[in-house]
């Protein structure tokens, strides 16, 4: 009953956002981000801790840290805005919002009918990245985390799938992804978040110990898939650049464990390179180093 009640509230919110003029809609989400920033003391603290660990305590000024922090909240508001807009804006309107850089990288691999795994991070407008890739490059299989609000999940999934995506949920995802990859489907995996030390593979991330999912490395090695990093860069309002990077080196020896660790590290390096291009666009709100430096988040 509560789930349905919240879903109807959500639909009412979607309706209001849909009928608002674009300029008012953009102003609303920008104001929402500013409001969240003002009151989210704990999240701002996490952002500061992460930035100081990644760049050193003297690597960024307080003004730079504040600017990046504010942008984190703005970017999160864009995710919400785009989750709604993707459900009703036409492909013709959406197409005008994109430009692609290095698109020949993925087009060449697609032309060779090779298996492909796209890896990315919580960087830029992630919801728009999924739309752009599915609608204008190639349909993908994407992993999503199932929330407690199944009706809202269904709404978002329907929005994603209308442009070609296939959504699988995180629980038991590797087995499902293996099946899809074996059938020639393109996978899209977000690999930048912290994984506990039991499930994760140790890597260096911004010169600090961290744990990362090795799922992409495992699948790439097993199925000889090409791993291509990709990122979306927010530019002007409702303007985005999707950039493809050179494929990550495939490693396959008799030592599968060592191969997977090395490939996972190469993927971590690729994500770090993307973040360094425009640090403010990454999701610094996440406790990225919790499995290795958990105490820094308890201060």
C-alpha atoms as a PDB file:
ATOM      1  CA  UNK A   1       0.000   0.000   0.000  1.00  0.00           C
ATOM      2  CA  UNK A   2       2.789   2.450   0.929  1.00  0.00           C
ATOM      3  CA  UNK A   3       4.666   1.468  -2.230  1.00  0.00           C
ATOM      4  CA  UNK A   4       1.636   2.352  -4.361  1.00  0.00           C
ATOM      5  CA  UNK A   5       1.076   5.617  -2.506  1.00  0.00           C
ATOM      6  CA  UNK A   6       4.678   6.694  -3.083  1.00  0.00           C
ATOM      7  CA  UNK A   7       4.434   5.607  -6.699  1.00  0.00           C
ATOM      8  CA  UNK A   8       1.400   7.852  -7.278  1.00  0.00           C
ATOM      9  CA  UNK A   9       3.247  10.744  -5.669  1.00  0.00           C
ATOM     10  CA  UNK A  10       6.167  10.005  -7.975  1.00  0.00           C
ATOM     11  CA  UNK A  11       3.865   9.970 -11.033  1.00  0.00           C
ATOM     12  CA  UNK A  12       2.398  13.309  -9.961  1.00  0.00           C
ATOM     13  CA  UNK A  13       5.916  14.706  -9.672  1.00  0.00           C
ATOM     14  CA  UNK A  14       6.755  13.340 -13.142  1.00  0.00           C
ATOM     15  CA  UNK A  15       3.641  14.987 -14.579  1.00  0.00           C
ATOM     16  CA  UNK A  16       4.542  18.363 -13.072  1.00  0.00           C
ATOM     17  CA  UNK A  17       8.108  18.156 -14.370  1.00  0.00           C
ATOM     18  CA  UNK A  18       6.841  17.161 -17.800  1.00  0.00           C
ATOM     19  CA  UNK A  19       4.532  20.172 -18.204  1.00  0.00           C
ATOM     20  CA  UNK A  20       7.031  22.713 -16.913  1.00  0.00           C
ATOM     21  CA  UNK A  21       8.826  24.818 -19.551  1.00  0.00           C
ATOM     22  CA  UNK A  22      12.383  23.560 -20.064  1.00  0.00           C
ATOM     23  CA  UNK A  23      13.922  26.706 -18.551  1.00  0.00           C
ATOM     24  CA  UNK A  24      11.787  26.395 -15.396  1.00  0.00           C
ATOM     25  CA  UNK A  25      12.489  22.661 -15.220  1.00  0.00           C
ATOM     26  CA  UNK A  26      16.237  23.278 -15.334  1.00  0.00           C
ATOM     27  CA  UNK A  27      15.989  26.023 -12.735  1.00  0.00           C
ATOM     28  CA  UNK A  28      13.997  23.731 -10.434  1.00  0.00           C
ATOM     29  CA  UNK A  29      16.640  20.990 -10.433  1.00  0.00           C
ATOM     30  CA  UNK A  30      19.468  23.471 -10.059  1.00  0.00           C
ATOM     31  CA  UNK A  31      17.697  24.979  -7.033  1.00  0.00           C
ATOM     32  CA  UNK A  32      17.037  21.492  -5.650  1.00  0.00           C
ATOM     33  CA  UNK A  33      20.754  20.720  -5.879  1.00  0.00           C
ATOM     34  CA  UNK A  34      21.637  23.919  -4.012  1.00  0.00           C
ATOM     35  CA  UNK A  35      19.133  23.075  -1.293  1.00  0.00           C
ATOM     36  CA  UNK A  36      20.469  19.541  -0.870  1.00  0.00           C
ATOM     37  CA  UNK A  37      24.030  20.838  -0.710  1.00  0.00           C
ATOM     38  CA  UNK A  38      23.057  23.255   2.040  1.00  0.00           C
ATOM     39  CA  UNK A  39      21.694  20.567   4.369  1.00  0.00           C
ATOM     40  CA  UNK A  40      23.709  17.441   3.459  1.00  0.00           C
ATOM     41  CA  UNK A  41      26.488  17.923   5.998  1.00  0.00           C
ATOM     42  CA  UNK A  42      27.549  14.261   6.126  1.00  0.00           C
ATOM     43  CA  UNK A  43      27.723  13.918   2.350  1.00  0.00           C
ATOM     44  CA  UNK A  44      29.794  17.095   2.037  1.00  0.00           C
ATOM     45  CA  UNK A  45      32.162  15.646   4.617  1.00  0.00           C
ATOM     46  CA  UNK A  46      32.547  12.424   2.582  1.00  0.00           C
ATOM     47  CA  UNK A  47      33.287  14.445  -0.559  1.00  0.00           C
ATOM     48  CA  UNK A  48      35.983  16.437   1.240  1.00  0.00           C
ATOM     49  CA  UNK A  49      37.571  13.284   2.682  1.00  0.00           C
ATOM     50  CA  UNK A  50      37.669  11.619  -0.746  1.00  0.00           C
ATOM     51  CA  UNK A  51      39.135  14.666  -2.470  1.00  0.00           C
ATOM     52  CA  UNK A  52      41.841  15.066   0.154  1.00  0.00           C
ATOM     53  CA  UNK A  53      42.749  11.390  -0.101  1.00  0.00           C
ATOM     54  CA  UNK A  54      42.814  11.429  -3.917  1.00  0.00           C
ATOM     55  CA  UNK A  55      44.675  14.722  -4.407  1.00  0.00           C
ATOM     56  CA  UNK A  56      46.410  15.184  -1.058  1.00  0.00           C
ATOM     57  CA  UNK A  57      45.421  17.632   1.664  1.00  0.00           C
ATOM     58  CA  UNK A  58      47.254  20.420  -0.139  1.00  0.00           C
ATOM     59  CA  UNK A  59      46.307  19.326  -3.645  1.00  0.00           C
ATOM     60  CA  UNK A  60      43.103  21.354  -3.833  1.00  0.00           C
ATOM     61  CA  UNK A  61      42.132  24.663  -2.296  1.00  0.00           C
ATOM     62  CA  UNK A  62      39.051  24.895  -0.090  1.00  0.00           C
ATOM     63  CA  UNK A  63      37.409  26.900  -2.860  1.00  0.00           C
ATOM     64  CA  UNK A  64      38.034  24.066  -5.345  1.00  0.00           C
ATOM     65  CA  UNK A  65      36.702  21.488  -2.879  1.00  0.00           C
ATOM     66  CA  UNK A  66      33.571  23.569  -2.339  1.00  0.00           C
ATOM     67  CA  UNK A  67      33.068  23.977  -6.096  1.00  0.00           C
ATOM     68  CA  UNK A  68      33.422  20.238  -6.731  1.00  0.00           C
ATOM     69  CA  UNK A  69      31.096  19.472  -3.815  1.00  0.00           C
ATOM     70  CA  UNK A  70      28.385  21.736  -5.184  1.00  0.00           C
ATOM     71  CA  UNK A  71      28.727  20.183  -8.619  1.00  0.00           C
ATOM     72  CA  UNK A  72      28.300  16.687  -7.160  1.00  0.00           C
ATOM     73  CA  UNK A  73      24.855  17.650  -5.928  1.00  0.00           C
ATOM     74  CA  UNK A  74      24.030  19.365  -9.205  1.00  0.00           C
ATOM     75  CA  UNK A  75      25.053  16.250 -11.119  1.00  0.00           C
ATOM     76  CA  UNK A  76      22.850  14.068  -8.920  1.00  0.00           C
ATOM     77  CA  UNK A  77      19.915  16.372  -9.658  1.00  0.00           C
ATOM     78  CA  UNK A  78      20.644  15.895 -13.379  1.00  0.00           C
ATOM     79  CA  UNK A  79      20.360  12.128 -12.947  1.00  0.00           C
ATOM     80  CA  UNK A  80      16.858  12.555 -11.510  1.00  0.00           C
ATOM     81  CA  UNK A  81      15.888  15.091 -14.167  1.00  0.00           C
ATOM     82  CA  UNK A  82      17.096  12.840 -16.977  1.00  0.00           C
ATOM     83  CA  UNK A  83      15.453   9.714 -15.545  1.00  0.00           C
ATOM     84  CA  UNK A  84      12.174  11.566 -15.984  1.00  0.00           C
ATOM     85  CA  UNK A  85      12.925  13.296 -19.296  1.00  0.00           C
ATOM     86  CA  UNK A  86      14.130  10.081 -20.907  1.00  0.00           C
ATOM     87  CA  UNK A  87      10.628   8.692 -20.471  1.00  0.00           C
ATOM     88  CA  UNK A  88       8.914  11.297 -22.649  1.00  0.00           C
ATOM     89  CA  UNK A  89      11.353  13.288 -24.811  1.00  0.00           C
ATOM     90  CA  UNK A  90      11.568  12.166 -28.442  1.00  0.00           C
ATOM     91  CA  UNK A  91      14.700  10.633 -29.930  1.00  0.00           C
ATOM     92  CA  UNK A  92      14.952  13.582 -32.330  1.00  0.00           C
ATOM     93  CA  UNK A  93      15.142  16.034 -29.433  1.00  0.00           C
ATOM     94  CA  UNK A  94      17.584  13.848 -27.519  1.00  0.00           C
ATOM     95  CA  UNK A  95      19.837  13.355 -30.547  1.00  0.00           C
ATOM     96  CA  UNK A  96      20.485  17.099 -30.693  1.00  0.00           C
ATOM     97  CA  UNK A  97      21.948  16.969 -27.197  1.00  0.00           C
ATOM     98  CA  UNK A  98      24.829  14.616 -28.047  1.00  0.00           C
ATOM     99  CA  UNK A  99      28.203  14.794 -29.654  1.00  0.00           C
ATOM    100  CA  UNK A 100      30.560  11.823 -29.839  1.00  0.00           C
ATOM    101  CA  UNK A 101      34.336  11.723 -29.590  1.00  0.00           C
ATOM    102  CA  UNK A 102      36.409   8.779 -30.856  1.00  0.00           C
ATOM    103  CA  UNK A 103      33.253   6.971 -31.945  1.00  0.00           C
ATOM    104  CA  UNK A 104      35.276   5.059 -34.544  1.00  0.00           C
ATOM    105  CA  UNK A 105      36.763   3.008 -31.692  1.00  0.00           C
ATOM    106  CA  UNK A 106      33.519   1.206 -30.928  1.00  0.00           C
ATOM    107  CA  UNK A 107      32.227   1.302 -34.510  1.00  0.00           C
ATOM    108  CA  UNK A 108      35.336  -0.574 -35.685  1.00  0.00           C
ATOM    109  CA  UNK A 109      34.911  -3.263 -33.036  1.00  0.00           C
ATOM    110  CA  UNK A 110      31.198  -3.603 -33.778  1.00  0.00           C
ATOM    111  CA  UNK A 111      31.995  -4.015 -37.478  1.00  0.00           C
ATOM    112  CA  UNK A 112      34.294  -6.929 -36.601  1.00  0.00           C
ATOM    113  CA  UNK A 113      31.472  -8.661 -34.668  1.00  0.00           C
ATOM    114  CA  UNK A 114      33.640  -8.954 -31.570  1.00  0.00           C
ATOM    115  CA  UNK A 115      32.194  -9.247 -28.100  1.00  0.00           C
ATOM    116  CA  UNK A 116      32.206  -5.901 -26.296  1.00  0.00           C
ATOM    117  CA  UNK A 117      32.151  -4.783 -22.670  1.00  0.00           C
ATOM    118  CA  UNK A 118      31.811  -1.043 -22.100  1.00  0.00           C
ATOM    119  CA  UNK A 119      33.073   0.139 -18.724  1.00  0.00           C
ATOM    120  CA  UNK A 120      32.319   3.465 -17.123  1.00  0.00           C
ATOM    121  CA  UNK A 121      31.923   5.263 -13.833  1.00  0.00           C
ATOM    122  CA  UNK A 122      29.411   7.374 -11.945  1.00  0.00           C
ATOM    123  CA  UNK A 123      30.648  10.319 -13.962  1.00  0.00           C
ATOM    124  CA  UNK A 124      28.722  13.061 -15.726  1.00  0.00           C
ATOM    125  CA  UNK A 125      25.053  12.452 -16.417  1.00  0.00           C
ATOM    126  CA  UNK A 126      24.966   8.678 -16.188  1.00  0.00           C
ATOM    127  CA  UNK A 127      21.292   8.391 -17.149  1.00  0.00           C
ATOM    128  CA  UNK A 128      21.920  10.298 -20.363  1.00  0.00           C
ATOM    129  CA  UNK A 129      24.968   8.141 -21.128  1.00  0.00           C
ATOM    130  CA  UNK A 130      22.788   5.039 -21.142  1.00  0.00           C
ATOM    131  CA  UNK A 131      20.231   6.733 -23.380  1.00  0.00           C
ATOM    132  CA  UNK A 132      22.839   7.990 -25.835  1.00  0.00           C
ATOM    133  CA  UNK A 133      24.611   4.667 -26.188  1.00  0.00           C
ATOM    134  CA  UNK A 134      21.455   2.575 -26.515  1.00  0.00           C
ATOM    135  CA  UNK A 135      19.651   4.915 -28.898  1.00  0.00           C
ATOM    136  CA  UNK A 136      22.481   6.107 -31.123  1.00  0.00           C
ATOM    137  CA  UNK A 137      25.371   3.615 -30.881  1.00  0.00           C
ATOM    138  CA  UNK A 138      24.263   0.092 -29.945  1.00  0.00           C
ATOM    139  CA  UNK A 139      21.705  -1.593 -27.662  1.00  0.00           C
ATOM    140  CA  UNK A 140      23.274  -2.766 -24.404  1.00  0.00           C
ATOM    141  CA  UNK A 141      22.701  -4.985 -21.412  1.00  0.00           C
ATOM    142  CA  UNK A 142      23.003  -2.888 -18.250  1.00  0.00           C
ATOM    143  CA  UNK A 143      23.190  -3.792 -14.577  1.00  0.00           C
ATOM    144  CA  UNK A 144      20.921  -1.956 -12.140  1.00  0.00           C
ATOM    145  CA  UNK A 145      20.535  -2.047  -8.392  1.00  0.00           C
ATOM    146  CA  UNK A 146      17.002  -2.961  -7.353  1.00  0.00           C
ATOM    147  CA  UNK A 147      15.515  -0.537  -4.844  1.00  0.00           C
ATOM    148  CA  UNK A 148      12.756  -1.055  -2.290  1.00  0.00           C
ATOM    149  CA  UNK A 149      10.299   0.777  -4.556  1.00  0.00           C
ATOM    150  CA  UNK A 150       9.546  -1.791  -7.223  1.00  0.00           C
ATOM    151  CA  UNK A 151       6.929   0.275  -9.074  1.00  0.00           C
ATOM    152  CA  UNK A 152       9.346   3.192  -9.458  1.00  0.00           C
ATOM    153  CA  UNK A 153      12.034   0.716 -10.556  1.00  0.00           C
ATOM    154  CA  UNK A 154       9.604  -0.539 -13.188  1.00  0.00           C
ATOM    155  CA  UNK A 155       9.002   3.011 -14.447  1.00  0.00           C
ATOM    156  CA  UNK A 156      12.745   3.717 -14.786  1.00  0.00           C
ATOM    157  CA  UNK A 157      13.440   0.324 -16.367  1.00  0.00           C
ATOM    158  CA  UNK A 158      10.693   0.891 -18.948  1.00  0.00           C
ATOM    159  CA  UNK A 159      12.219   4.269 -19.777  1.00  0.00           C
ATOM    160  CA  UNK A 160      15.649   2.712 -20.297  1.00  0.00           C
ATOM    161  CA  UNK A 161      14.389  -0.238 -22.293  1.00  0.00           C
ATOM    162  CA  UNK A 162      12.362   1.871 -24.726  1.00  0.00           C
ATOM    163  CA  UNK A 163      15.620   2.905 -26.453  1.00  0.00           C
ATOM    164  CA  UNK A 164      17.056  -0.597 -26.604  1.00  0.00           C
ATOM    165  CA  UNK A 165      18.538  -1.381 -23.198  1.00  0.00           C
ATOM    166  CA  UNK A 166      18.051  -4.663 -21.416  1.00  0.00           C
ATOM    167  CA  UNK A 167      18.228  -4.373 -17.632  1.00  0.00           C
ATOM    168  CA  UNK A 168      19.471  -7.096 -15.301  1.00  0.00           C
ATOM    169  CA  UNK A 169      19.587  -6.646 -11.566  1.00  0.00           C
ATOM    170  CA  UNK A 170      22.748  -6.894  -9.532  1.00  0.00           C
ATOM    171  CA  UNK A 171      21.952 -10.100  -7.629  1.00  0.00           C
ATOM    172  CA  UNK A 172      23.264 -13.010  -9.675  1.00  0.00           C
ATOM    173  CA  UNK A 173      24.222 -10.625 -12.477  1.00  0.00           C
ATOM    174  CA  UNK A 174      27.469 -12.309 -13.570  1.00  0.00           C
ATOM    175  CA  UNK A 175      25.704 -15.489 -14.694  1.00  0.00           C
ATOM    176  CA  UNK A 176      23.106 -13.475 -16.608  1.00  0.00           C
ATOM    177  CA  UNK A 177      25.744 -11.223 -18.161  1.00  0.00           C
ATOM    178  CA  UNK A 178      27.788 -14.228 -19.265  1.00  0.00           C
ATOM    179  CA  UNK A 179      24.748 -15.606 -21.071  1.00  0.00           C
ATOM    180  CA  UNK A 180      24.060 -12.276 -22.787  1.00  0.00           C
ATOM    181  CA  UNK A 181      27.703 -11.801 -23.791  1.00  0.00           C
ATOM    182  CA  UNK A 182      27.870 -15.323 -25.188  1.00  0.00           C
ATOM    183  CA  UNK A 183      24.906 -14.409 -27.409  1.00  0.00           C
ATOM    184  CA  UNK A 184      26.780 -11.385 -28.756  1.00  0.00           C
ATOM    185  CA  UNK A 185      25.087  -8.667 -26.710  1.00  0.00           C
ATOM    186  CA  UNK A 186      27.092  -5.567 -25.719  1.00  0.00           C
ATOM    187  CA  UNK A 187      27.495  -5.196 -21.946  1.00  0.00           C
ATOM    188  CA  UNK A 188      27.676  -1.900 -20.083  1.00  0.00           C
ATOM    189  CA  UNK A 189      29.189  -2.072 -16.588  1.00  0.00           C
ATOM    190  CA  UNK A 190      29.765   0.665 -14.006  1.00  0.00           C
ATOM    191  CA  UNK A 191      32.866  -0.406 -12.105  1.00  0.00           C
ATOM    192  CA  UNK A 192      34.026   2.532  -9.972  1.00  0.00           C
ATOM    193  CA  UNK A 193      32.391   1.916  -6.591  1.00  0.00           C
ATOM    194  CA  UNK A 194      33.850   0.302  -3.501  1.00  0.00           C
ATOM    195  CA  UNK A 195      33.579  -3.463  -3.138  1.00  0.00           C
ATOM    196  CA  UNK A 196      34.254  -5.221   0.165  1.00  0.00           C
ATOM    197  CA  UNK A 197      37.578  -7.019   0.496  1.00  0.00           C
ATOM    198  CA  UNK A 198      35.939 -10.457   0.264  1.00  0.00           C
ATOM    199  CA  UNK A 199      34.233  -9.857  -3.095  1.00  0.00           C
ATOM    200  CA  UNK A 200      36.517  -7.206  -4.539  1.00  0.00           C
ATOM    201  CA  UNK A 201      39.910  -7.346  -6.244  1.00  0.00           C
ATOM    202  CA  UNK A 202      42.708  -5.194  -4.771  1.00  0.00           C
ATOM    203  CA  UNK A 203      43.784  -2.277  -6.966  1.00  0.00           C
ATOM    204  CA  UNK A 204      45.554   1.048  -6.687  1.00  0.00           C
ATOM    205  CA  UNK A 205      43.181   3.948  -7.240  1.00  0.00           C
ATOM    206  CA  UNK A 206      44.610   7.469  -7.077  1.00  0.00           C
ATOM    207  CA  UNK A 207      47.743   5.822  -5.603  1.00  0.00           C
ATOM    208  CA  UNK A 208      45.780   4.370  -2.682  1.00  0.00           C
ATOM    209  CA  UNK A 209      44.710   0.787  -1.976  1.00  0.00           C
ATOM    210  CA  UNK A 210      41.126   0.055  -2.938  1.00  0.00           C
ATOM    211  CA  UNK A 211      38.905  -2.840  -3.950  1.00  0.00           C
ATOM    212  CA  UNK A 212      37.080  -3.024  -7.254  1.00  0.00           C
ATOM    213  CA  UNK A 213      34.750  -5.419  -8.986  1.00  0.00           C
ATOM    214  CA  UNK A 214      36.566  -7.827 -11.280  1.00  0.00           C
ATOM    215  CA  UNK A 215      33.403  -8.831 -13.147  1.00  0.00           C
ATOM    216  CA  UNK A 216      34.357  -7.038 -16.362  1.00  0.00           C
ATOM    217  CA  UNK A 217      37.861  -8.539 -16.294  1.00  0.00           C
ATOM    218  CA  UNK A 218      36.518 -12.040 -15.615  1.00  0.00           C
ATOM    219  CA  UNK A 219      33.977 -11.869 -18.449  1.00  0.00           C
ATOM    220  CA  UNK A 220      36.453 -10.297 -20.876  1.00  0.00           C
ATOM    221  CA  UNK A 221      38.986 -13.038 -20.254  1.00  0.00           C
ATOM    222  CA  UNK A 222      36.455 -15.864 -20.447  1.00  0.00           C
ATOM    223  CA  UNK A 223      34.813 -14.693 -23.678  1.00  0.00           C
ATOM    224  CA  UNK A 224      37.712 -12.800 -25.327  1.00  0.00           C
ATOM    225  CA  UNK A 225      35.679  -9.599 -25.179  1.00  0.00           C
ATOM    226  CA  UNK A 226      37.028  -6.157 -26.024  1.00  0.00           C
ATOM    227  CA  UNK A 227      36.851  -3.812 -23.025  1.00  0.00           C
ATOM    228  CA  UNK A 228      36.226  -0.188 -24.041  1.00  0.00           C
ATOM    229  CA  UNK A 229      36.112   2.632 -21.465  1.00  0.00           C
ATOM    230  CA  UNK A 230      33.491   5.289 -22.133  1.00  0.00           C
ATOM    231  CA  UNK A 231      32.415   8.444 -20.316  1.00  0.00           C
ATOM    232  CA  UNK A 232      29.889  11.239 -20.689  1.00  0.00           C
ATOM    233  CA  UNK A 233      30.907  14.831 -20.048  1.00  0.00           C
ATOM    234  CA  UNK A 234      28.292  17.405 -19.082  1.00  0.00           C
ATOM    235  CA  UNK A 235      28.834  20.505 -21.170  1.00  0.00           C
ATOM    236  CA  UNK A 236      26.284  23.285 -21.585  1.00  0.00           C
ATOM    237  CA  UNK A 237      22.752  22.820 -20.254  1.00  0.00           C
ATOM    238  CA  UNK A 238      21.312  19.713 -21.926  1.00  0.00           C
ATOM    239  CA  UNK A 239      24.458  19.266 -24.013  1.00  0.00           C
ATOM    240  CA  UNK A 240      26.688  16.203 -23.588  1.00  0.00           C
ATOM    241  CA  UNK A 241      29.823  14.690 -25.043  1.00  0.00           C
ATOM    242  CA  UNK A 242      30.218  10.907 -25.041  1.00  0.00           C
ATOM    243  CA  UNK A 243      33.867   9.938 -25.330  1.00  0.00           C
ATOM    244  CA  UNK A 244      35.280   6.499 -26.132  1.00  0.00           C
ATOM    245  CA  UNK A 245      38.789   5.447 -25.113  1.00  0.00           C
ATOM    246  CA  UNK A 246      41.223   2.931 -26.540  1.00  0.00           C
ATOM    247  CA  UNK A 247      40.389  -0.687 -25.622  1.00  0.00           C
ATOM    248  CA  UNK A 248      42.088  -2.070 -22.527  1.00  0.00           C
ATOM    249  CA  UNK A 249      44.776  -4.656 -23.096  1.00  0.00           C
ATOM    250  CA  UNK A 250      43.560  -8.243 -22.958  1.00  0.00           C
ATOM    251  CA  UNK A 251      45.710 -10.513 -20.765  1.00  0.00           C
ATOM    252  CA  UNK A 252      45.404 -14.278 -20.965  1.00  0.00           C
ATOM    253  CA  UNK A 253      48.033 -16.623 -19.547  1.00  0.00           C
ATOM    254  CA  UNK A 254      47.871 -19.868 -17.599  1.00  0.00           C
ATOM    255  CA  UNK A 255      47.369 -17.903 -14.380  1.00  0.00           C
ATOM    256  CA  UNK A 256      43.744 -16.735 -14.522  1.00  0.00           C
ATOM    257  CA  UNK A 257      43.767 -15.122 -11.071  1.00  0.00           C
ATOM    258  CA  UNK A 258      46.797 -12.997 -11.908  1.00  0.00           C
ATOM    259  CA  UNK A 259      45.360 -12.097 -15.319  1.00  0.00           C
ATOM    260  CA  UNK A 260      42.087 -10.897 -13.794  1.00  0.00           C
ATOM    261  CA  UNK A 261      43.893  -8.833 -11.151  1.00  0.00           C
ATOM    262  CA  UNK A 262      46.068  -7.126 -13.769  1.00  0.00           C
ATOM    263  CA  UNK A 263      43.130  -6.387 -16.053  1.00  0.00           C
ATOM    264  CA  UNK A 264      41.097  -5.050 -13.125  1.00  0.00           C
ATOM    265  CA  UNK A 265      43.978  -2.710 -12.320  1.00  0.00           C
ATOM    266  CA  UNK A 266      44.109  -1.518 -15.937  1.00  0.00           C
ATOM    267  CA  UNK A 267      40.395  -0.793 -15.740  1.00  0.00           C
ATOM    268  CA  UNK A 268      40.880   1.149 -12.502  1.00  0.00           C
ATOM    269  CA  UNK A 269      43.604   3.149 -14.259  1.00  0.00           C
ATOM    270  CA  UNK A 270      41.211   3.919 -17.121  1.00  0.00           C
ATOM    271  CA  UNK A 271      38.526   5.182 -14.734  1.00  0.00           C
ATOM    272  CA  UNK A 272      41.087   7.316 -12.904  1.00  0.00           C
ATOM    273  CA  UNK A 273      42.196   8.849 -16.209  1.00  0.00           C
ATOM    274  CA  UNK A 274      38.597   9.778 -17.008  1.00  0.00           C
ATOM    275  CA  UNK A 275      38.080  11.371 -13.595  1.00  0.00           C
ATOM    276  CA  UNK A 276      41.250  13.435 -13.877  1.00  0.00           C
ATOM    277  CA  UNK A 277      39.989  14.960 -17.128  1.00  0.00           C
ATOM    278  CA  UNK A 278      37.278  16.782 -15.167  1.00  0.00           C
ATOM    279  CA  UNK A 279      37.264  15.828 -11.450  1.00  0.00           C
ATOM    280  CA  UNK A 280      34.080  17.679 -10.576  1.00  0.00           C
ATOM    281  CA  UNK A 281      31.974  15.316 -12.680  1.00  0.00           C
ATOM    282  CA  UNK A 282      32.731  12.183 -10.658  1.00  0.00           C
ATOM    283  CA  UNK A 283      30.497  10.921  -7.834  1.00  0.00           C
ATOM    284  CA  UNK A 284      32.723  11.890  -4.891  1.00  0.00           C
ATOM    285  CA  UNK A 285      29.799  11.275  -2.498  1.00  0.00           C
ATOM    286  CA  UNK A 286      30.518   7.533  -2.403  1.00  0.00           C
ATOM    287  CA  UNK A 287      32.802   6.022   0.269  1.00  0.00           C
ATOM    288  CA  UNK A 288      35.153   4.761  -2.420  1.00  0.00           C
ATOM    289  CA  UNK A 289      37.952   3.666  -0.079  1.00  0.00           C
ATOM    290  CA  UNK A 290      35.768   2.227   2.693  1.00  0.00           C
ATOM    291  CA  UNK A 291      37.174  -1.313   2.423  1.00  0.00           C
ATOM    292  CA  UNK A 292      40.772  -0.141   2.885  1.00  0.00           C
ATOM    293  CA  UNK A 293      40.584   3.178   4.747  1.00  0.00           C
ATOM    294  CA  UNK A 294      37.259   2.833   6.507  1.00  0.00           C
ATOM    295  CA  UNK A 295      38.362   4.810   9.546  1.00  0.00           C
ATOM    296  CA  UNK A 296      38.662   8.058   7.579  1.00  0.00           C
ATOM    297  CA  UNK A 297      34.881   8.116   7.166  1.00  0.00           C
ATOM    298  CA  UNK A 298      34.309   7.713  10.912  1.00  0.00           C
ATOM    299  CA  UNK A 299      36.125  10.847  12.023  1.00  0.00           C
END
